[in-house]
Amino acid sequence: FPTIPSSAAPLLLPSFPRARPWPPQSLHQLLPLPGTCSSCTWLLLALTVKHPVCVKHPPSVKYVRCFLSELIKKHEAVHTEPLDELYEALAETLMAKESTQGHQSYLLSSGGSVTLSESTAIISHGTTGLVTWDAALYLAEWAIKNPAAFINRTVLEFGSGAGLTGLAIYKMCHPGAYIFSDPHSRVLEQLRGNVLLNGLSLEADITANLDSPRVTVAQLDWDVATVHQLSAFQPDVVIAADVLYCPEAIVSLVGVLRRLAACQEHKRAPEVYVAFTVCNPETCQLFTTELGRAGMRWEAEAHHDHKLFPYREHLEMAMLNLTL
């Protein structure tokens, strides 16, 4: 069998949100040239749909069906003989029952993986927090490239959603404690499940003194969180991804950051990193304007090319480092 390039490793498990088919150019790069044997196609099937992680935590039926259909097209384009395993796998998906939940699995460079249970719909139960968004992947990549920002430190994440960023940081950057947070009860329910799904233990009391890193899932509504409530977290680092989706959210985020800074009287203010997809320049401008009004300085982190996870290439990503 040919060697699969290490740069392609994150693509070996179906892991695109919202059940998008694998991009044809990616399959083309991994499939053999016309006239060669079908071993490469068999290997690709074994490394994706038949991979132990996918067998244990299967992606959505719709996604697998789209992926296999595309793989069959590519195989038939370069081979004259069919590969029975491909058609058998597709037949299984045609008989499988559709579900509103599916799994996304991401391979890490350490050899481990992060698996998430996610909704198959972008908006579900009145929230967008049940799927992984692109800036969460971008922030996770930056964190893995910059582990010193998190090693042995207490990390508080705003708007954790499905939990991809936090789980990647926990597994790759070795924080002293990690606090996932979100205001939506349905998101928190799924988030707790994803934390346990990845072998982490949850601690209800964030002040507990444990030898192993503490992991907490907290309900945190930015509009009602008090200085007293925020002071219990005592974070060294605060992160957030894809939370600048409307003016109201921006005002709420800046407000909670101000209250967080106010409860750090005898401690250095935490480092804050906010990653987002630049969809609307006016929204980004509003965020920096509100930061200025609150007396918070900011600087843009250099764009990184540390591509580990599959997300839409054409999107413009940005990340700000805030000083409270």
Protein backbone atom coordinates (compact mmCIF):
# COMPACT_ATOMS: atom_id res chain seq x y z
CA PHE A 1 0.00 0.00 0.00
CA PRO A 2 1.23 3.54 -0.69
CA THR A 3 2.10 5.86 2.16
CA ILE A 4 -0.60 8.36 3.01
CA PRO A 5 1.00 11.83 3.42
CA SER A 6 1.06 13.01 7.03
CA SER A 7 -0.52 16.29 5.95
CA ALA A 8 -3.62 14.34 4.94
CA ALA A 9 -4.02 12.65 8.31
CA PRO A 10 -6.76 14.98 9.64
CA LEU A 11 -8.84 14.17 6.55
CA LEU A 12 -8.87 10.43 7.11
CA LEU A 13 -12.01 10.51 9.21
CA PRO A 14 -15.19 12.08 7.87
CA SER A 15 -15.25 15.22 9.99
CA PHE A 16 -16.96 18.01 8.09
CA PRO A 17 -19.80 19.75 9.94
CA ARG A 18 -23.27 19.83 8.39
CA ALA A 19 -22.72 16.63 6.36
CA ARG A 20 -20.80 18.19 3.46
CA PRO A 21 -19.37 15.59 1.05
CA TRP A 22 -15.62 15.10 1.00
CA PRO A 23 -14.16 17.56 -1.56
CA PRO A 24 -13.50 15.67 -4.83
CA GLN A 25 -9.94 17.03 -5.10
CA SER A 26 -9.06 15.42 -1.76
CA LEU A 27 -10.23 12.01 -2.93
CA HIS A 28 -8.44 12.46 -6.23
CA GLN A 29 -5.15 13.06 -4.43
CA LEU A 30 -5.50 9.84 -2.42
CA LEU A 31 -6.80 7.50 -5.13
CA PRO A 32 -4.40 5.63 -7.48
CA LEU A 33 -3.86 6.40 -11.15
CA PRO A 34 -5.75 4.50 -13.87
CA GLY A 35 -4.40 1.03 -14.49
CA THR A 36 -3.23 0.40 -10.93
CA CYS A 37 -4.78 -2.07 -8.48
CA SER A 38 -7.69 -1.19 -6.21
CA SER A 39 -5.68 -1.65 -3.01
CA CYS A 40 -5.49 2.09 -2.42
CA THR A 41 -9.27 2.41 -2.55
CA TRP A 42 -9.63 -0.48 -0.11
CA LEU A 43 -7.10 1.18 2.20
CA LEU A 44 -8.93 4.49 2.02
CA LEU A 45 -12.19 2.74 2.95
CA ALA A 46 -10.44 1.08 5.89
CA LEU A 47 -9.09 4.45 7.07
CA THR A 48 -12.45 6.21 6.91
CA VAL A 49 -15.82 4.47 7.09
CA LYS A 50 -14.27 1.25 8.45
CA HIS A 51 -11.86 3.02 10.80
CA PRO A 52 -12.37 1.80 14.41
CA VAL A 53 -13.25 5.32 15.59
CA CYS A 54 -15.95 5.69 12.92
CA VAL A 55 -17.29 2.21 13.58
CA LYS A 56 -17.60 2.97 17.30
CA HIS A 57 -18.87 6.53 16.81
CA PRO A 58 -20.45 6.68 13.33
CA PRO A 59 -20.93 9.97 11.49
CA SER A 60 -24.39 10.91 10.25
CA VAL A 61 -25.93 8.44 7.79
CA LYS A 62 -26.37 11.24 5.25
CA TYR A 63 -22.70 12.16 5.44
CA VAL A 64 -21.45 8.57 5.06
CA ARG A 65 -23.81 8.03 2.14
CA CYS A 66 -22.50 11.14 0.35
CA PHE A 67 -18.91 10.19 1.08
CA LEU A 68 -19.28 6.63 -0.21
CA SER A 69 -21.13 7.76 -3.33
CA GLU A 70 -18.28 10.14 -4.16
CA LEU A 71 -15.67 7.47 -3.42
CA ILE A 72 -17.44 4.99 -5.71
CA LYS A 73 -17.51 7.55 -8.52
CA LYS A 74 -13.78 8.15 -8.16
CA HIS A 75 -13.01 4.45 -7.98
CA GLU A 76 -15.07 3.66 -11.09
CA ALA A 77 -13.31 6.46 -12.97
CA VAL A 78 -9.89 4.81 -12.57
CA HIS A 79 -10.71 1.08 -12.28
CA THR A 80 -12.50 -1.37 -14.53
CA GLU A 81 -13.23 -3.91 -11.79
CA PRO A 82 -15.62 -3.00 -8.95
CA LEU A 83 -14.69 -3.21 -5.29
CA ASP A 84 -17.39 -5.21 -3.51
CA GLU A 85 -16.61 -3.67 -0.13
CA LEU A 86 -17.58 -0.22 -1.41
CA TYR A 87 -21.02 -1.31 -2.57
CA GLU A 88 -21.60 -3.35 0.58
CA ALA A 89 -20.78 -0.32 2.73
CA LEU A 90 -23.12 1.87 0.68
CA ALA A 91 -25.90 -0.72 0.97
CA GLU A 92 -25.55 -0.62 4.76
CA THR A 93 -26.10 3.15 4.77
CA LEU A 94 -29.13 2.86 2.49
CA MET A 95 -30.75 0.56 5.05
CA ALA A 96 -29.66 2.59 8.07
CA LYS A 97 -32.11 4.87 9.86
CA GLU A 98 -31.55 8.62 9.63
CA SER A 99 -30.90 10.46 12.90
CA THR A 100 -30.75 14.09 13.98
CA GLN A 101 -27.44 13.33 15.69
CA GLY A 102 -24.13 12.15 14.26
CA HIS A 103 -20.50 11.97 15.29
CA GLN A 104 -17.57 14.07 14.09
CA SER A 105 -14.13 12.54 14.71
CA TYR A 106 -10.86 14.43 14.39
CA LEU A 107 -7.43 12.78 14.43
CA LEU A 108 -4.76 14.58 16.48
CA SER A 109 -1.06 14.65 15.70
CA SER A 110 -0.42 12.92 19.04
CA GLY A 111 -2.14 9.81 17.68
CA GLY A 112 -5.27 10.39 19.73
CA SER A 113 -8.60 11.72 18.55
CA VAL A 114 -11.48 13.97 19.52
CA THR A 115 -15.00 12.66 18.90
CA LEU A 116 -18.09 14.84 19.16
CA SER A 117 -21.78 14.07 19.10
CA GLU A 118 -23.37 16.86 17.07
CA SER A 119 -26.68 17.83 15.59
CA THR A 120 -27.00 17.32 11.85
CA ALA A 121 -28.78 20.70 11.54
CA ILE A 122 -27.06 24.08 11.68
CA ILE A 123 -29.85 25.43 13.91
CA SER A 124 -31.39 22.97 16.35
CA HIS A 125 -33.37 23.46 19.57
CA GLY A 126 -33.18 27.21 19.00
CA THR A 127 -29.38 27.38 19.07
CA THR A 128 -26.38 27.16 16.74
CA GLY A 129 -24.22 25.68 19.50
CA LEU A 130 -24.84 22.02 18.68
CA VAL A 131 -22.37 21.95 15.77
CA THR A 132 -18.70 22.88 15.38
CA TRP A 133 -18.00 26.12 13.54
CA ASP A 134 -14.90 26.99 11.51
CA ALA A 135 -13.30 29.45 13.94
CA ALA A 136 -13.37 26.78 16.66
CA LEU A 137 -11.16 24.61 14.44
CA TYR A 138 -8.92 27.58 13.66
CA LEU A 139 -8.50 28.41 17.36
CA ALA A 140 -7.77 24.77 18.19
CA GLU A 141 -5.03 24.73 15.55
CA TRP A 142 -3.49 27.90 16.98
CA ALA A 143 -3.58 26.44 20.50
CA ILE A 144 -1.88 23.21 19.41
CA LYS A 145 0.85 25.31 17.75
CA ASN A 146 1.17 27.47 20.92
CA PRO A 147 0.82 25.07 23.87
CA ALA A 148 2.82 27.33 26.22
CA ALA A 149 -0.20 29.63 26.41
CA PHE A 150 -2.15 26.86 28.18
CA ILE A 151 0.25 24.47 29.95
CA ASN A 152 -0.59 24.21 33.68
CA ARG A 153 -2.98 27.17 33.42
CA THR A 154 -6.68 27.55 34.16
CA VAL A 155 -8.59 28.07 30.92
CA LEU A 156 -12.12 29.49 30.72
CA GLU A 157 -13.91 29.11 27.40
CA PHE A 158 -16.91 31.25 26.52
CA GLY A 159 -19.50 29.69 24.21
CA SER A 160 -17.95 26.22 24.12
CA GLY A 161 -20.66 24.75 21.88
CA ALA A 162 -19.97 21.12 21.00
CA GLY A 163 -16.58 21.27 22.74
CA LEU A 164 -14.03 20.71 19.95
CA THR A 165 -11.64 23.54 20.90
CA GLY A 166 -11.59 22.70 24.60
CA LEU A 167 -11.14 18.97 24.09
CA ALA A 168 -8.26 19.55 21.65
CA ILE A 169 -6.59 21.95 24.10
CA TYR A 170 -7.08 19.55 27.00
CA LYS A 171 -5.56 16.63 25.08
CA MET A 172 -2.73 18.51 23.38
CA CYS A 173 -1.81 21.51 25.58
CA HIS A 174 -2.04 20.08 29.13
CA PRO A 175 -3.85 22.88 31.01
CA GLY A 176 -4.05 22.83 34.79
CA ALA A 177 -7.85 23.16 34.63
CA TYR A 178 -10.39 23.69 31.89
CA ILE A 179 -13.81 25.32 32.24
CA PHE A 180 -16.26 24.84 29.38
CA SER A 181 -19.19 27.26 29.46
CA ASP A 182 -22.33 28.08 27.51
CA PRO A 183 -25.64 29.76 28.32
CA HIS A 184 -27.91 27.27 26.54
CA SER A 185 -29.11 24.26 28.57
CA ARG A 186 -29.42 21.98 25.51
CA VAL A 187 -25.85 22.81 24.49
CA LEU A 188 -24.61 22.09 28.00
CA GLU A 189 -26.32 18.69 27.95
CA GLN A 190 -24.56 17.72 24.73
CA LEU A 191 -21.30 19.30 25.90
CA ARG A 192 -21.22 17.22 29.07
CA GLY A 193 -21.84 14.12 26.99
CA ASN A 194 -18.96 14.99 24.65
CA VAL A 195 -16.58 15.56 27.55
CA LEU A 196 -17.41 12.12 28.97
CA LEU A 197 -17.32 10.58 25.47
CA ASN A 198 -13.65 11.57 25.24
CA GLY A 199 -12.68 9.97 28.53
CA LEU A 200 -12.56 13.09 30.70
CA SER A 201 -14.02 13.28 34.19
CA LEU A 202 -16.24 16.18 35.22
CA GLU A 203 -15.86 18.01 38.52
CA ALA A 204 -18.92 19.80 39.87
CA ASP A 205 -16.81 21.93 42.23
CA ILE A 206 -14.30 24.07 40.35
CA THR A 207 -12.49 24.90 43.63
CA ALA A 208 -11.66 21.24 44.34
CA ASN A 209 -7.96 20.50 44.72
CA LEU A 210 -7.15 17.51 42.54
CA ASP A 211 -3.87 16.10 41.25
CA SER A 212 -5.29 15.66 37.75
CA PRO A 213 -6.50 18.63 35.69
CA ARG A 214 -10.02 19.71 36.62
CA VAL A 215 -12.69 19.78 33.96
CA THR A 216 -15.90 21.72 34.53
CA VAL A 217 -18.96 22.46 32.43
CA ALA A 218 -20.65 25.64 33.65
CA GLN A 219 -23.80 27.46 32.61
CA LEU A 220 -22.72 31.04 31.99
CA ASP A 221 -25.05 33.70 30.62
CA TRP A 222 -22.97 36.78 29.81
CA ASP A 223 -25.84 39.18 30.49
CA VAL A 224 -26.57 38.02 34.03
CA ALA A 225 -23.20 36.71 35.26
CA THR A 226 -22.07 38.73 38.29
CA VAL A 227 -18.59 39.69 39.40
CA HIS A 228 -19.03 37.32 42.35
CA GLN A 229 -19.90 34.40 40.05
CA LEU A 230 -17.02 35.15 37.68
CA SER A 231 -14.52 35.43 40.54
CA ALA A 232 -14.95 31.71 41.27
CA PHE A 233 -13.36 30.79 37.94
CA GLN A 234 -10.05 32.66 38.42
CA PRO A 235 -8.86 31.94 34.86
CA ASP A 236 -5.37 32.55 33.56
CA VAL A 237 -6.60 32.35 29.96
CA VAL A 238 -10.00 33.09 28.42
CA ILE A 239 -10.87 31.94 24.90
CA ALA A 240 -13.87 32.18 22.61
CA ALA A 241 -14.58 31.22 19.00
CA ASP A 242 -17.33 32.31 16.60
CA VAL A 243 -19.23 34.32 19.21
CA LEU A 244 -19.38 37.65 17.30
CA TYR A 245 -22.48 36.71 15.36
CA CYS A 246 -24.63 39.80 16.12
CA PRO A 247 -24.34 43.25 17.77
CA GLU A 248 -26.15 42.08 20.90
CA ALA A 249 -23.69 39.23 21.41
CA ILE A 250 -20.75 41.62 21.00
CA VAL A 251 -22.07 44.02 23.62
CA SER A 252 -22.74 41.11 26.00
CA LEU A 253 -19.25 39.66 25.47
CA VAL A 254 -17.50 42.97 26.15
CA GLY A 255 -19.68 43.45 29.21
CA VAL A 256 -18.79 40.09 30.74
CA LEU A 257 -15.10 40.68 30.00
CA ARG A 258 -15.30 43.99 31.90
CA ARG A 259 -16.84 42.23 34.90
CA LEU A 260 -14.22 39.49 34.69
CA ALA A 261 -11.45 42.10 34.78
CA ALA A 262 -13.10 43.75 37.80
CA CYS A 263 -12.83 40.57 39.90
CA GLN A 264 -9.07 40.20 39.34
CA GLU A 265 -8.04 42.79 41.95
CA HIS A 266 -5.17 40.78 43.44
CA LYS A 267 -4.33 38.76 40.37
CA ARG A 268 -3.03 39.52 36.93
CA ALA A 269 -5.86 39.85 34.40
CA PRO A 270 -6.25 36.78 32.17
CA GLU A 271 -5.01 36.62 28.62
CA VAL A 272 -7.97 36.66 26.23
CA TYR A 273 -8.08 35.19 22.72
CA VAL A 274 -11.14 35.60 20.49
CA ALA A 275 -11.23 33.83 17.11
CA PHE A 276 -13.86 34.54 14.50
CA THR A 277 -14.76 34.21 10.86
CA VAL A 278 -14.72 37.57 9.10
CA CYS A 279 -18.16 37.44 7.47
CA ASN A 280 -19.18 41.05 8.00
CA PRO A 281 -16.46 43.74 8.41
CA GLU A 282 -18.99 45.98 10.17
CA THR A 283 -19.45 43.36 12.89
CA CYS A 284 -15.68 43.17 13.42
CA GLN A 285 -15.50 46.97 13.54
CA LEU A 286 -18.24 47.06 16.16
CA PHE A 287 -16.30 44.60 18.31
CA THR A 288 -13.09 46.65 18.28
CA THR A 289 -15.09 49.85 18.86
CA GLU A 290 -16.79 48.35 21.92
CA LEU A 291 -13.43 47.14 23.21
CA GLY A 292 -12.09 50.68 22.92
CA ARG A 293 -15.06 52.11 24.79
CA ALA A 294 -14.43 49.60 27.58
CA GLY A 295 -10.76 50.58 27.76
CA MET A 296 -9.53 47.22 26.48
CA ARG A 297 -6.54 47.08 24.16
CA TRP A 298 -6.27 44.48 21.43
CA GLU A 299 -3.89 43.26 18.79
CA ALA A 300 -4.41 40.83 15.95
CA GLU A 301 -2.62 37.50 16.07
CA ALA A 302 -0.71 36.66 12.90
CA HIS A 303 -2.65 34.39 10.56
CA HIS A 304 -1.40 30.83 10.95
CA ASP A 305 -1.03 28.14 8.32
CA HIS A 306 -0.92 25.30 10.85
CA LYS A 307 -3.68 23.41 9.04
CA LEU A 308 -4.75 20.37 11.04
CA PHE A 309 -8.51 20.29 10.60
CA PRO A 310 -10.78 20.45 7.54
CA TYR A 311 -12.71 23.68 7.18
CA ARG A 312 -13.63 25.96 4.30
CA GLU A 313 -10.42 27.38 2.84
CA HIS A 314 -11.96 30.50 1.32
CA LEU A 315 -13.13 31.89 4.66
CA GLU A 316 -11.16 34.73 6.21
CA MET A 317 -10.18 33.88 9.79
CA ALA A 318 -8.98 36.30 12.44
CA MET A 319 -8.00 36.15 16.08
CA LEU A 320 -7.52 38.99 18.55
CA ASN A 321 -5.45 39.00 21.73
CA LEU A 322 -7.17 41.29 24.25
CA THR A 323 -5.71 43.11 27.24
CA LEU A 324 -8.33 43.63 29.95
